[in-house]
Amino acid sequence: MNKKALIVSTENQILVQPLLKDSCAGCTSSCEKTDIRFAVTNPMDLPVKAGSVVTLAASPISQAVQGILGLFFPIFSAIAGYFLADKIALKLNLAQGDKAKSLCVLIFLLASSLLVFIVTRLFPLPGTPQIINIEEDIYQNPASC
């Protein structure tokens, strides 16, 4: 997902402030959201300066890790639940069969999805957001204010 941000500083590293709405670009009020700043990279060497509104995207490494964790891990866990269902049913003295398999698939899928959710909240994904486009410069185009 691409998001817009306002470049605040380009000295040592590029710092941006997220734009919640298009009207935030020219806003001068001090709401609680304006103090959020984070570093981004500029792999395409776009001519950015303070006041530019840019479009950000996640790095390819971050997208790959997110795809592996968010999609493949729960699917493989559900498959493991299908093949382990008979052994689990024997240990719990339950009837073996399709009901046990479907229950194990569902439990393994939900448990692995919950685990992915918790792990990604505790440990942020690697990579920093990247600038992929320059939208406008609010200091050269005062009509956006």
Protein backbone atom coordinates (compact mmCIF):
# COMPACT_ATOMS: atom_id res chain seq x y z
CA MET A 1 0.00 0.00 0.00
CA ASN A 2 1.33 3.41 -0.94
CA LYS A 3 1.03 6.34 1.45
CA LYS A 4 1.74 10.03 1.12
CA ALA A 5 4.14 11.86 3.41
CA LEU A 6 5.64 15.32 3.78
CA ILE A 7 9.42 15.62 3.82
CA VAL A 8 10.48 17.43 6.98
CA SER A 9 14.27 17.20 6.82
CA THR A 10 16.89 16.05 4.31
CA GLU A 11 20.07 16.75 6.29
CA ASN A 12 21.67 13.50 7.55
CA GLN A 13 18.75 11.30 6.63
CA ILE A 14 15.40 11.91 5.00
CA LEU A 15 12.72 12.38 7.66
CA VAL A 16 9.06 12.41 6.71
CA GLN A 17 5.79 13.11 8.43
CA PRO A 18 2.78 11.03 7.35
CA LEU A 19 -0.16 12.82 5.75
CA LEU A 20 -3.48 11.57 7.02
CA LYS A 21 -5.42 13.54 4.40
CA ASP A 22 -4.44 15.64 1.41
CA SER A 23 -5.28 18.76 3.40
CA CYS A 24 -2.57 17.89 5.95
CA ALA A 25 0.14 19.00 3.50
CA GLY A 26 -0.57 22.69 4.02
CA CYS A 27 -1.78 22.47 7.59
CA THR A 28 -0.04 24.64 10.17
CA SER A 29 -2.00 23.61 13.26
CA SER A 30 -0.38 21.40 15.86
CA CYS A 31 -2.50 18.29 16.19
CA GLU A 32 -1.17 15.23 18.01
CA LYS A 33 -0.45 13.40 14.73
CA THR A 34 2.02 15.99 13.36
CA ASP A 35 4.89 14.98 15.66
CA ILE A 36 5.20 11.50 14.12
CA ARG A 37 8.39 11.42 12.04
CA PHE A 38 10.34 8.53 10.61
CA ALA A 39 13.27 7.92 8.27
CA VAL A 40 12.87 6.77 4.68
CA THR A 41 15.23 5.88 1.86
CA ASN A 42 15.45 7.33 -1.64
CA PRO A 43 16.75 4.46 -3.81
CA MET A 44 15.77 6.19 -7.09
CA ASP A 45 17.66 9.39 -6.12
CA LEU A 46 14.63 11.59 -6.70
CA PRO A 47 15.24 15.34 -6.17
CA VAL A 48 13.54 15.71 -2.80
CA LYS A 49 13.70 18.65 -0.44
CA ALA A 50 11.93 19.81 2.69
CA GLY A 51 8.29 20.53 1.90
CA SER A 52 7.92 17.97 -0.88
CA VAL A 53 4.94 15.63 -0.72
CA VAL A 54 6.09 12.14 -1.67
CA THR A 55 4.57 8.70 -2.12
CA LEU A 56 6.06 5.94 0.04
CA ALA A 57 6.04 2.18 -0.44
CA ALA A 58 7.40 -0.71 1.58
CA SER A 59 10.80 -2.08 0.65
CA PRO A 60 10.89 -5.30 -1.41
CA ILE A 61 12.55 -7.17 1.47
CA SER A 62 9.77 -6.15 3.82
CA GLN A 63 7.12 -7.19 1.30
CA ALA A 64 8.78 -10.59 0.79
CA VAL A 65 9.03 -11.29 4.52
CA GLN A 66 5.44 -10.18 5.02
CA GLY A 67 4.26 -12.49 2.24
CA ILE A 68 6.12 -15.47 3.63
CA LEU A 69 4.98 -14.90 7.19
CA GLY A 70 1.45 -13.80 6.46
CA LEU A 71 0.54 -16.28 3.74
CA PHE A 72 2.78 -19.33 3.55
CA PHE A 73 3.22 -19.99 7.28
CA PRO A 74 -0.54 -20.28 8.03
CA ILE A 75 -1.13 -22.39 4.90
CA PHE A 76 1.67 -24.80 5.75
CA SER A 77 0.43 -24.94 9.34
CA ALA A 78 -3.06 -25.87 8.15
CA ILE A 79 -1.57 -28.61 5.96
CA ALA A 80 0.40 -29.89 8.94
CA GLY A 81 -2.82 -29.88 10.98
CA TYR A 82 -4.48 -32.07 8.34
CA PHE A 83 -1.71 -34.68 8.44
CA LEU A 84 -1.36 -34.61 12.24
CA ALA A 85 -5.10 -34.80 12.92
CA ASP A 86 -5.26 -38.59 13.32
CA LYS A 87 -2.35 -38.63 15.79
CA ILE A 88 -3.85 -35.77 17.78
CA ALA A 89 -7.26 -37.47 17.81
CA LEU A 90 -5.66 -40.67 19.19
CA LYS A 91 -3.89 -38.73 21.96
CA LEU A 92 -7.12 -36.98 22.95
CA ASN A 93 -9.26 -40.14 22.68
CA LEU A 94 -11.41 -38.61 19.94
CA ALA A 95 -12.84 -40.26 16.85
CA GLN A 96 -10.55 -40.17 13.85
CA GLY A 97 -11.88 -38.99 10.52
CA ASP A 98 -12.95 -35.98 8.55
CA LYS A 99 -14.35 -34.09 11.54
CA ALA A 100 -11.06 -34.35 13.43
CA LYS A 101 -9.11 -33.33 10.32
CA SER A 102 -11.25 -30.30 9.62
CA LEU A 103 -11.08 -29.25 13.27
CA CYS A 104 -7.28 -29.57 13.33
CA VAL A 105 -6.92 -27.66 10.06
CA LEU A 106 -9.03 -24.84 11.46
CA ILE A 107 -7.23 -24.76 14.81
CA PHE A 108 -3.76 -24.83 13.20
CA LEU A 109 -4.76 -22.11 10.72
CA LEU A 110 -6.18 -19.81 13.41
CA ALA A 111 -3.32 -20.45 15.84
CA SER A 112 -0.65 -19.75 13.21
CA SER A 113 -2.45 -16.60 12.04
CA LEU A 114 -2.65 -15.36 15.63
CA LEU A 115 1.04 -16.16 16.11
CA VAL A 116 1.95 -14.20 12.97
CA PHE A 117 -0.15 -11.27 14.19
CA ILE A 118 1.54 -11.23 17.60
CA VAL A 119 5.09 -11.66 16.26
CA THR A 120 4.72 -8.91 13.67
CA ARG A 121 3.41 -6.52 16.33
CA LEU A 122 6.28 -7.27 18.73
CA PHE A 123 9.04 -7.31 16.10
CA PRO A 124 8.58 -4.86 13.21
CA LEU A 125 9.41 -6.14 9.75
CA PRO A 126 12.85 -5.32 8.32
CA GLY A 127 13.45 -2.56 5.83
CA THR A 128 12.59 1.10 5.74
CA PRO A 129 9.93 2.71 3.55
CA GLN A 130 11.11 3.99 0.19
CA ILE A 131 10.22 7.11 -1.77
CA ILE A 132 8.74 6.07 -5.11
CA ASN A 133 7.28 9.35 -6.39
CA ILE A 134 7.26 13.10 -5.77
CA GLU A 135 3.71 14.45 -5.71
CA GLU A 136 4.21 18.21 -5.23
CA ASP A 137 6.14 20.86 -3.35
CA ILE A 138 3.85 22.74 -0.95
CA TYR A 139 6.19 25.73 -0.79
CA GLN A 140 6.19 26.22 -4.57
CA ASN A 141 2.47 25.48 -4.99
CA PRO A 142 0.61 27.46 -2.30
CA ALA A 143 -2.75 26.47 -3.81
CA SER A 144 -2.57 23.19 -1.87
CA CYS A 145 -2.62 25.15 1.40
